[in-house]
């Protein structure tokens, strides 16, 4: 067997072992998703802006969306409390 083929065989074996080991543990297991090209392009540009990987960018965007949603809930609760307070003041007057 030629030296190149021998090296490729060893690399393939190492890669298979690494994939097998990574698949055993939940945090190293790889997942895949299908994206439209335009979505991938926007995500890729955002990742470049953040100087991050696509996975890190997705995680960041999801956490930001969650943070914004929680902030909106708090604002809506404050508005509701303020409206009820103002209504109770108007009723007493």
PDB file of N, CA and C in Angstrom:
ATOM      1  N   UNK A   1       0.851  -1.172   0.000  1.00  0.00           N
ATOM      2  CA  UNK A   1       0.000   0.000   0.000  1.00  0.00           C
ATOM      3  C   UNK A   1       0.896   1.234   0.000  1.00  0.00           C
ATOM      4  N   UNK A   2       0.502   2.224  -0.794  1.00  0.00           N
ATOM      5  CA  UNK A   2       1.316   3.433  -0.873  1.00  0.00           C
ATOM      6  C   UNK A   2       1.200   4.230   0.426  1.00  0.00           C
ATOM      7  N   UNK A   3       2.158   5.099   0.645  1.00  0.00           N
ATOM      8  CA  UNK A   3       2.195   5.913   1.861  1.00  0.00           C
ATOM      9  C   UNK A   3       0.983   6.845   1.935  1.00  0.00           C
ATOM     10  N   UNK A   4       0.587   7.428   0.805  1.00  0.00           N
ATOM     11  CA  UNK A   4      -0.581   8.315   0.782  1.00  0.00           C
ATOM     12  C   UNK A   4      -1.864   7.575   1.169  1.00  0.00           C
ATOM     13  N   UNK A   5      -2.055   6.391   0.599  1.00  0.00           N
ATOM     14  CA  UNK A   5      -3.247   5.610   0.925  1.00  0.00           C
ATOM     15  C   UNK A   5      -3.246   5.194   2.393  1.00  0.00           C
ATOM     16  N   UNK A   6      -2.075   4.836   2.902  1.00  0.00           N
ATOM     17  CA  UNK A   6      -1.948   4.451   4.304  1.00  0.00           C
ATOM     18  C   UNK A   6      -2.330   5.624   5.219  1.00  0.00           C
ATOM     19  N   UNK A   7      -1.849   6.821   4.896  1.00  0.00           N
ATOM     20  CA  UNK A   7      -2.187   8.005   5.691  1.00  0.00           C
ATOM     21  C   UNK A   7      -3.684   8.314   5.627  1.00  0.00           C
ATOM     22  N   UNK A   8      -4.264   8.209   4.425  1.00  0.00           N
ATOM     23  CA  UNK A   8      -5.697   8.466   4.282  1.00  0.00           C
ATOM     24  C   UNK A   8      -6.524   7.459   5.076  1.00  0.00           C
ATOM     25  N   UNK A   9      -6.093   6.207   5.071  1.00  0.00           N
ATOM     26  CA  UNK A   9      -6.785   5.173   5.825  1.00  0.00           C
ATOM     27  C   UNK A   9      -6.727   5.470   7.326  1.00  0.00           C
ATOM     28  N   UNK A  10      -5.545   5.836   7.809  1.00  0.00           N
ATOM     29  CA  UNK A  10      -5.390   6.177   9.231  1.00  0.00           C
ATOM     30  C   UNK A  10      -6.233   7.398   9.595  1.00  0.00           C
ATOM     31  N   UNK A  11      -6.259   8.392   8.721  1.00  0.00           N
ATOM     32  CA  UNK A  11      -7.069   9.584   8.975  1.00  0.00           C
ATOM     33  C   UNK A  11      -8.559   9.240   9.023  1.00  0.00           C
ATOM     34  N   UNK A  12      -8.985   8.372   8.110  1.00  0.00           N
ATOM     35  CA  UNK A  12     -10.392   7.970   8.080  1.00  0.00           C
ATOM     36  C   UNK A  12     -10.771   7.223   9.358  1.00  0.00           C
ATOM     37  N   UNK A  13      -9.871   6.360   9.823  1.00  0.00           N
ATOM     38  CA  UNK A  13     -10.126   5.613  11.061  1.00  0.00           C
ATOM     39  C   UNK A  13     -10.196   6.566  12.251  1.00  0.00           C
ATOM     40  N   UNK A  14      -9.255   7.519  12.318  1.00  0.00           N
ATOM     41  CA  UNK A  14      -9.262   8.495  13.414  1.00  0.00           C
ATOM     42  C   UNK A  14     -10.536   9.338  13.385  1.00  0.00           C
ATOM     43  N   UNK A  15     -10.942   9.760  12.192  1.00  0.00           N
ATOM     44  CA  UNK A  15     -12.150  10.580  12.060  1.00  0.00           C
ATOM     45  C   UNK A  15     -13.384   9.793  12.504  1.00  0.00           C
ATOM     46  N   UNK A  16     -13.460   8.529  12.114  1.00  0.00           N
ATOM     47  CA  UNK A  16     -14.601   7.694  12.508  1.00  0.00           C
ATOM     48  C   UNK A  16     -14.638   7.516  14.021  1.00  0.00           C
ATOM     49  N   UNK A  17     -13.484   7.277  14.630  1.00  0.00           N
ATOM     50  CA  UNK A  17     -13.425   7.143  16.095  1.00  0.00           C
ATOM     51  C   UNK A  17     -13.863   8.437  16.776  1.00  0.00           C
ATOM     52  N   UNK A  18     -13.402   9.568  16.243  1.00  0.00           N
ATOM     53  CA  UNK A  18     -13.760  10.863  16.837  1.00  0.00           C
ATOM     54  C   UNK A  18     -15.260  11.114  16.713  1.00  0.00           C
ATOM     55  N   UNK A  19     -15.831  10.832  15.545  1.00  0.00           N
ATOM     56  CA  UNK A  19     -17.274  11.010  15.366  1.00  0.00           C
ATOM     57  C   UNK A  19     -18.054  10.101  16.315  1.00  0.00           C
ATOM     58  N   UNK A  20     -17.579   8.870  16.480  1.00  0.00           N
ATOM     59  CA  UNK A  20     -18.252   7.927  17.371  1.00  0.00           C
ATOM     60  C   UNK A  20     -18.191   8.430  18.809  1.00  0.00           C
ATOM     61  N   UNK A  21     -17.011   8.881  19.248  1.00  0.00           N
ATOM     62  CA  UNK A  21     -16.843   9.381  20.609  1.00  0.00           C
ATOM     63  C   UNK A  21     -17.700  10.622  20.834  1.00  0.00           C
ATOM     64  N   UNK A  22     -17.691  11.531  19.884  1.00  0.00           N
ATOM     65  CA  UNK A  22     -18.471  12.766  20.023  1.00  0.00           C
ATOM     66  C   UNK A  22     -19.969  12.487  20.054  1.00  0.00           C
ATOM     67  N   UNK A  23     -20.399  11.452  19.348  1.00  0.00           N
ATOM     68  CA  UNK A  23     -21.826  11.126  19.306  1.00  0.00           C
ATOM     69  C   UNK A  23     -22.307  10.513  20.616  1.00  0.00           C
ATOM     70  N   UNK A  24     -21.390   9.998  21.442  1.00  0.00           N
ATOM     71  CA  UNK A  24     -21.775   9.393  22.713  1.00  0.00           C
ATOM     72  C   UNK A  24     -22.222  10.439  23.725  1.00  0.00           C
ATOM     73  N   UNK A  25     -21.650  11.620  23.657  1.00  0.00           N
ATOM     74  CA  UNK A  25     -21.929  12.642  24.658  1.00  0.00           C
ATOM     75  C   UNK A  25     -22.864  13.696  24.076  1.00  0.00           C
ATOM     76  N   UNK A  26     -23.869  14.061  24.868  1.00  0.00           N
ATOM     77  CA  UNK A  26     -24.909  14.976  24.389  1.00  0.00           C
ATOM     78  C   UNK A  26     -24.348  16.319  23.945  1.00  0.00           C
ATOM     79  N   UNK A  27     -23.418  16.880  24.709  1.00  0.00           N
ATOM     80  CA  UNK A  27     -22.934  18.227  24.394  1.00  0.00           C
ATOM     81  C   UNK A  27     -21.984  18.256  23.207  1.00  0.00           C
ATOM     82  N   UNK A  28     -21.438  17.114  22.804  1.00  0.00           N
ATOM     83  CA  UNK A  28     -20.569  17.101  21.622  1.00  0.00           C
ATOM     84  C   UNK A  28     -21.272  16.524  20.397  1.00  0.00           C
ATOM     85  N   UNK A  29     -22.496  16.040  20.592  1.00  0.00           N
ATOM     86  CA  UNK A  29     -23.234  15.454  19.473  1.00  0.00           C
ATOM     87  C   UNK A  29     -23.629  16.550  18.495  1.00  0.00           C
ATOM     88  N   UNK A  30     -23.397  16.322  17.233  1.00  0.00           N
ATOM     89  CA  UNK A  30     -23.696  17.314  16.204  1.00  0.00           C
ATOM     90  C   UNK A  30     -25.133  17.155  15.731  1.00  0.00           C
ATOM     91  N   UNK A  31     -25.754  18.276  15.465  1.00  0.00           N
ATOM     92  CA  UNK A  31     -27.097  18.305  14.893  1.00  0.00           C
ATOM     93  C   UNK A  31     -27.017  19.063  13.572  1.00  0.00           C
ATOM     94  N   UNK A  32     -27.938  18.784  12.699  1.00  0.00           N
ATOM     95  CA  UNK A  32     -27.935  19.520  11.435  1.00  0.00           C
ATOM     96  C   UNK A  32     -29.338  20.059  11.170  1.00  0.00           C
ATOM     97  N   UNK A  33     -29.382  21.187  10.494  1.00  0.00           N
ATOM     98  CA  UNK A  33     -30.645  21.800  10.100  1.00  0.00           C
ATOM     99  C   UNK A  33     -30.532  22.224   8.645  1.00  0.00           C
ATOM    100  N   UNK A  34     -31.666  22.297   7.979  1.00  0.00           N
ATOM    101  CA  UNK A  34     -31.697  22.765   6.597  1.00  0.00           C
ATOM    102  C   UNK A  34     -32.107  24.230   6.592  1.00  0.00           C
ATOM    103  N   UNK A  35     -31.333  25.044   5.897  1.00  0.00           N
ATOM    104  CA  UNK A  35     -31.624  26.466   5.788  1.00  0.00           C
ATOM    105  C   UNK A  35     -31.771  26.845   4.323  1.00  0.00           C
ATOM    106  N   UNK A  36     -32.673  27.767   4.048  1.00  0.00           N
ATOM    107  CA  UNK A  36     -32.717  28.364   2.715  1.00  0.00           C
ATOM    108  C   UNK A  36     -31.445  29.173   2.524  1.00  0.00           C
ATOM    109  N   UNK A  37     -31.064  29.370   1.282  1.00  0.00           N
ATOM    110  CA  UNK A  37     -29.819  30.091   1.026  1.00  0.00           C
ATOM    111  C   UNK A  37     -29.852  31.500   1.592  1.00  0.00           C
ATOM    112  N   UNK A  38     -30.984  32.201   1.408  1.00  0.00           N
ATOM    113  CA  UNK A  38     -31.058  33.592   1.884  1.00  0.00           C
ATOM    114  C   UNK A  38     -30.952  33.646   3.410  1.00  0.00           C
ATOM    115  N   UNK A  39     -31.521  32.666   4.104  1.00  0.00           N
ATOM    116  CA  UNK A  39     -31.419  32.616   5.567  1.00  0.00           C
ATOM    117  C   UNK A  39     -29.982  32.346   5.976  1.00  0.00           C
ATOM    118  N   UNK A  40     -29.362  31.372   5.319  1.00  0.00           N
ATOM    119  CA  UNK A  40     -27.963  31.066   5.623  1.00  0.00           C
ATOM    120  C   UNK A  40     -27.075  32.285   5.376  1.00  0.00           C
ATOM    121  N   UNK A  41     -27.346  32.998   4.283  1.00  0.00           N
ATOM    122  CA  UNK A  41     -26.531  34.164   3.945  1.00  0.00           C
ATOM    123  C   UNK A  41     -26.642  35.242   5.030  1.00  0.00           C
ATOM    124  N   UNK A  42     -27.865  35.512   5.490  1.00  0.00           N
ATOM    125  CA  UNK A  42     -28.060  36.507   6.552  1.00  0.00           C
ATOM    126  C   UNK A  42     -27.395  36.055   7.852  1.00  0.00           C
ATOM    127  N   UNK A  43     -27.550  34.783   8.168  1.00  0.00           N
ATOM    128  CA  UNK A  43     -26.941  34.241   9.382  1.00  0.00           C
ATOM    129  C   UNK A  43     -25.425  34.292   9.297  1.00  0.00           C
ATOM    130  N   UNK A  44     -24.904  33.992   8.137  1.00  0.00           N
ATOM    131  CA  UNK A  44     -23.458  34.039   7.933  1.00  0.00           C
ATOM    132  C   UNK A  44     -22.920  35.457   8.078  1.00  0.00           C
ATOM    133  N   UNK A  45     -23.644  36.436   7.533  1.00  0.00           N
ATOM    134  CA  UNK A  45     -23.207  37.832   7.658  1.00  0.00           C
ATOM    135  C   UNK A  45     -23.246  38.281   9.117  1.00  0.00           C
ATOM    136  N   UNK A  46     -24.289  37.883   9.841  1.00  0.00           N
ATOM    137  CA  UNK A  46     -24.389  38.235  11.261  1.00  0.00           C
ATOM    138  C   UNK A  46     -23.258  37.574  12.048  1.00  0.00           C
ATOM    139  N   UNK A  47     -22.938  36.333  11.705  1.00  0.00           N
ATOM    140  CA  UNK A  47     -21.846  35.627  12.381  1.00  0.00           C
ATOM    141  C   UNK A  47     -20.518  36.327  12.133  1.00  0.00           C
ATOM    142  N   UNK A  48     -20.321  36.812  10.924  1.00  0.00           N
ATOM    143  CA  UNK A  48     -19.092  37.549  10.628  1.00  0.00           C
ATOM    144  C   UNK A  48     -19.050  38.853  11.405  1.00  0.00           C
ATOM    145  N   UNK A  49     -20.186  39.539  11.523  1.00  0.00           N
ATOM    146  CA  UNK A  49     -20.244  40.779  12.306  1.00  0.00           C
ATOM    147  C   UNK A  49     -19.897  40.519  13.770  1.00  0.00           C
ATOM    148  N   UNK A  50     -20.382  39.394  14.295  1.00  0.00           N
ATOM    149  CA  UNK A  50     -20.136  39.054  15.693  1.00  0.00           C
ATOM    150  C   UNK A  50     -18.801  38.346  15.896  1.00  0.00           C
ATOM    151  N   UNK A  51     -18.145  37.999  14.790  1.00  0.00           N
ATOM    152  CA  UNK A  51     -16.902  37.226  14.833  1.00  0.00           C
ATOM    153  C   UNK A  51     -17.129  35.933  15.621  1.00  0.00           C
ATOM    154  N   UNK A  52     -18.181  35.204  15.218  1.00  0.00           N
ATOM    155  CA  UNK A  52     -18.576  33.990  15.920  1.00  0.00           C
ATOM    156  C   UNK A  52     -18.928  32.903  14.909  1.00  0.00           C
ATOM    157  N   UNK A  53     -19.098  31.689  15.414  1.00  0.00           N
ATOM    158  CA  UNK A  53     -19.526  30.587  14.563  1.00  0.00           C
ATOM    159  C   UNK A  53     -21.024  30.710  14.313  1.00  0.00           C
ATOM    160  N   UNK A  54     -21.523  29.934  13.360  1.00  0.00           N
ATOM    161  CA  UNK A  54     -22.960  29.952  13.082  1.00  0.00           C
ATOM    162  C   UNK A  54     -23.748  29.472  14.301  1.00  0.00           C
ATOM    163  N   UNK A  55     -23.257  28.435  14.964  1.00  0.00           N
ATOM    164  CA  UNK A  55     -23.944  27.922  16.154  1.00  0.00           C
ATOM    165  C   UNK A  55     -23.990  28.966  17.258  1.00  0.00           C
ATOM    166  N   UNK A  56     -22.866  29.628  17.498  1.00  0.00           N
ATOM    167  CA  UNK A  56     -22.826  30.670  18.529  1.00  0.00           C
ATOM    168  C   UNK A  56     -23.755  31.825  18.170  1.00  0.00           C
ATOM    169  N   UNK A  57     -23.821  32.150  16.890  1.00  0.00           N
ATOM    170  CA  UNK A  57     -24.689  33.240  16.440  1.00  0.00           C
ATOM    171  C   UNK A  57     -26.156  32.885  16.642  1.00  0.00           C
ATOM    172  N   UNK A  58     -26.528  31.662  16.314  1.00  0.00           N
ATOM    173  CA  UNK A  58     -27.912  31.220  16.524  1.00  0.00           C
ATOM    174  C   UNK A  58     -28.249  31.273  18.008  1.00  0.00           C
ATOM    175  N   UNK A  59     -27.342  30.776  18.835  1.00  0.00           N
ATOM    176  CA  UNK A  59     -27.569  30.800  20.284  1.00  0.00           C
ATOM    177  C   UNK A  59     -27.716  32.237  20.792  1.00  0.00           C
ATOM    178  N   UNK A  60     -26.871  33.132  20.307  1.00  0.00           N
ATOM    179  CA  UNK A  60     -26.929  34.541  20.704  1.00  0.00           C
ATOM    180  C   UNK A  60     -28.263  35.168  20.294  1.00  0.00           C
ATOM    181  N   UNK A  61     -28.672  34.940  19.044  1.00  0.00           N
ATOM    182  CA  UNK A  61     -29.919  35.527  18.555  1.00  0.00           C
ATOM    183  C   UNK A  61     -31.130  34.991  19.319  1.00  0.00           C
ATOM    184  N   UNK A  62     -31.111  33.707  19.654  1.00  0.00           N
ATOM    185  CA  UNK A  62     -32.214  33.139  20.425  1.00  0.00           C
ATOM    186  C   UNK A  62     -32.267  33.718  21.833  1.00  0.00           C
ATOM    187  N   UNK A  63     -31.110  33.879  22.454  1.00  0.00           N
ATOM    188  CA  UNK A  63     -31.098  34.447  23.807  1.00  0.00           C
ATOM    189  C   UNK A  63     -31.539  35.908  23.787  1.00  0.00           C
ATOM    190  N   UNK A  64     -31.147  36.652  22.749  1.00  0.00           N
ATOM    191  CA  UNK A  64     -31.584  38.046  22.627  1.00  0.00           C
ATOM    192  C   UNK A  64     -33.096  38.129  22.411  1.00  0.00           C
ATOM    193  N   UNK A  65     -33.632  37.235  21.596  1.00  0.00           N
ATOM    194  CA  UNK A  65     -35.080  37.218  21.359  1.00  0.00           C
ATOM    195  C   UNK A  65     -35.821  36.883  22.654  1.00  0.00           C
ATOM    196  N   UNK A  66     -35.286  35.942  23.421  1.00  0.00           N
ATOM    197  CA  UNK A  66     -35.895  35.566  24.693  1.00  0.00           C
ATOM    198  C   UNK A  66     -35.836  36.725  25.681  1.00  0.00           C
ATOM    199  N   UNK A  67     -34.707  37.414  25.713  1.00  0.00           N
ATOM    200  CA  UNK A  67     -34.553  38.567  26.599  1.00  0.00           C
ATOM    201  C   UNK A  67     -35.548  39.669  26.221  1.00  0.00           C
ATOM    202  N   UNK A  68     -35.709  39.914  24.933  1.00  0.00           N
ATOM    203  CA  UNK A  68     -36.654  40.938  24.470  1.00  0.00           C
ATOM    204  C   UNK A  68     -38.088  40.545  24.813  1.00  0.00           C
ATOM    205  N   UNK A  69     -38.402  39.280  24.670  1.00  0.00           N
ATOM    206  CA  UNK A  69     -39.747  38.801  24.988  1.00  0.00           C
ATOM    207  C   UNK A  69     -40.039  38.978  26.481  1.00  0.00           C
ATOM    208  N   UNK A  70     -39.062  38.658  27.327  1.00  0.00           N
ATOM    209  CA  UNK A  70     -39.248  38.839  28.772  1.00  0.00           C
ATOM    210  C   UNK A  70     -39.405  40.312  29.128  1.00  0.00           C
ATOM    211  N   UNK A  71     -38.646  41.170  28.469  1.00  0.00           N
ATOM    212  CA  UNK A  71     -38.760  42.611  28.717  1.00  0.00           C
ATOM    213  C   UNK A  71     -40.140  43.112  28.307  1.00  0.00           C
ATOM    214  N   UNK A  72     -40.651  42.638  27.174  1.00  0.00           N
ATOM    215  CA  UNK A  72     -42.000  43.031  26.723  1.00  0.00           C
ATOM    216  C   UNK A  72     -43.071  42.587  27.715  1.00  0.00           C
ATOM    217  N   UNK A  73     -42.900  41.384  28.274  1.00  0.00           N
ATOM    218  CA  UNK A  73     -43.864  40.905  29.267  1.00  0.00           C
ATOM    219  C   UNK A  73     -43.860  41.807  30.494  1.00  0.00           C
ATOM    220  N   UNK A  74     -42.665  42.205  30.937  1.00  0.00           N
ATOM    221  CA  UNK A  74     -42.574  43.089  32.106  1.00  0.00           C
ATOM    222  C   UNK A  74     -43.197  44.451  31.820  1.00  0.00           C
ATOM    223  N   UNK A  75     -42.934  44.993  30.641  1.00  0.00           N
ATOM    224  CA  UNK A  75     -43.512  46.291  30.269  1.00  0.00           C
ATOM    225  C   UNK A  75     -45.032  46.194  30.216  1.00  0.00           C
ATOM    226  N   UNK A  76     -45.545  45.129  29.634  1.00  0.00           N
ATOM    227  CA  UNK A  76     -47.004  44.956  29.559  1.00  0.00           C
ATOM    228  C   UNK A  76     -47.615  44.816  30.950  1.00  0.00           C
ATOM    229  N   UNK A  77     -46.932  44.103  31.842  1.00  0.00           N
ATOM    230  CA  UNK A  77     -47.430  43.964  33.213  1.00  0.00           C
ATOM    231  C   UNK A  77     -47.426  45.320  33.916  1.00  0.00           C
ATOM    232  N   UNK A  78     -46.370  46.103  33.708  1.00  0.00           N
ATOM    233  CA  UNK A  78     -46.314  47.441  34.309  1.00  0.00           C
ATOM    234  C   UNK A  78     -47.422  48.341  33.764  1.00  0.00           C
ATOM    235  N   UNK A  79     -47.673  48.269  32.455  1.00  0.00           N
ATOM    236  CA  UNK A  79     -48.755  49.058  31.850  1.00  0.00           C
ATOM    237  C   UNK A  79     -50.103  48.674  32.449  1.00  0.00           C
ATOM    238  N   UNK A  80     -50.313  47.381  32.602  1.00  0.00           N
ATOM    239  CA  UNK A  80     -51.573  46.903  33.162  1.00  0.00           C
ATOM    240  C   UNK A  80     -51.735  47.401  34.597  1.00  0.00           C
ATOM    241  N   UNK A  81     -50.666  47.291  35.394  1.00  0.00           N
ATOM    242  CA  UNK A  81     -50.717  47.776  36.779  1.00  0.00           C
ATOM    243  C   UNK A  81     -50.961  49.280  36.828  1.00  0.00           C
ATOM    244  N   UNK A  82     -50.298  50.016  35.960  1.00  0.00           N
ATOM    245  CA  UNK A  82     -50.468  51.468  35.924  1.00  0.00           C
ATOM    246  C   UNK A  82     -51.892  51.840  35.524  1.00  0.00           C
ATOM    247  N   UNK A  83     -52.421  51.163  34.521  1.00  0.00           N
ATOM    248  CA  UNK A  83     -53.805  51.429  34.097  1.00  0.00           C
ATOM    249  C   UNK A  83     -54.792  51.134  35.224  1.00  0.00           C
ATOM    250  N   UNK A  84     -54.588  50.026  35.921  1.00  0.00           N
ATOM    251  CA  UNK A  84     -55.505  49.697  37.020  1.00  0.00           C
ATOM    252  C   UNK A  84     -55.367  50.704  38.159  1.00  0.00           C
ATOM    253  N   UNK A  85     -54.147  51.169  38.416  1.00  0.00           N
ATOM    254  CA  UNK A  85     -53.932  52.189  39.443  1.00  0.00           C
ATOM    255  C   UNK A  85     -54.607  53.500  39.055  1.00  0.00           C
ATOM    256  N   UNK A  86     -54.426  53.919  37.812  1.00  0.00           N
ATOM    257  CA  UNK A  86     -55.059  55.152  37.334  1.00  0.00           C
ATOM    258  C   UNK A  86     -56.578  55.032  37.347  1.00  0.00           C
ATOM    259  N   UNK A  87     -57.083  53.870  36.985  1.00  0.00           N
ATOM    260  CA  UNK A  87     -58.527  53.650  36.994  1.00  0.00           C
ATOM    261  C   UNK A  87     -59.065  53.746  38.417  1.00  0.00           C
ATOM    262  N   UNK A  88     -58.346  53.150  39.374  1.00  0.00           N
ATOM    263  CA  UNK A  88     -58.806  53.196  40.767  1.00  0.00           C
ATOM    264  C   UNK A  88     -58.754  54.615  41.324  1.00  0.00           C
ATOM    265  N   UNK A  89     -57.782  55.417  40.898  1.00  0.00           N
ATOM    266  CA  UNK A  89     -57.702  56.816  41.331  1.00  0.00           C
ATOM    267  C   UNK A  89     -58.871  57.603  40.750  1.00  0.00           C
ATOM    268  N   UNK A  90     -59.196  57.379  39.478  1.00  0.00           N
ATOM    269  CA  UNK A  90     -60.312  58.079  38.828  1.00  0.00           C
ATOM    270  C   UNK A  90     -61.647  57.695  39.442  1.00  0.00           C
ATOM    271  N   UNK A  91     -61.782  56.457  39.859  1.00  0.00           N
ATOM    272  CA  UNK A  91     -63.036  55.999  40.450  1.00  0.00           C
ATOM    273  C   UNK A  91     -63.247  56.677  41.801  1.00  0.00           C
ATOM    274  N   UNK A  92     -62.173  56.857  42.580  1.00  0.00           N
ATOM    275  CA  UNK A  92     -62.273  57.468  43.907  1.00  0.00           C
ATOM    276  C   UNK A  92     -62.581  58.956  43.822  1.00  0.00           C
ATOM    277  N   UNK A  93     -62.129  59.613  42.781  1.00  0.00           N
ATOM    278  CA  UNK A  93     -62.329  61.063  42.644  1.00  0.00           C
ATOM    279  C   UNK A  93     -63.704  61.314  42.167  1.00  0.00           C
TER     280      UNK A  93
END
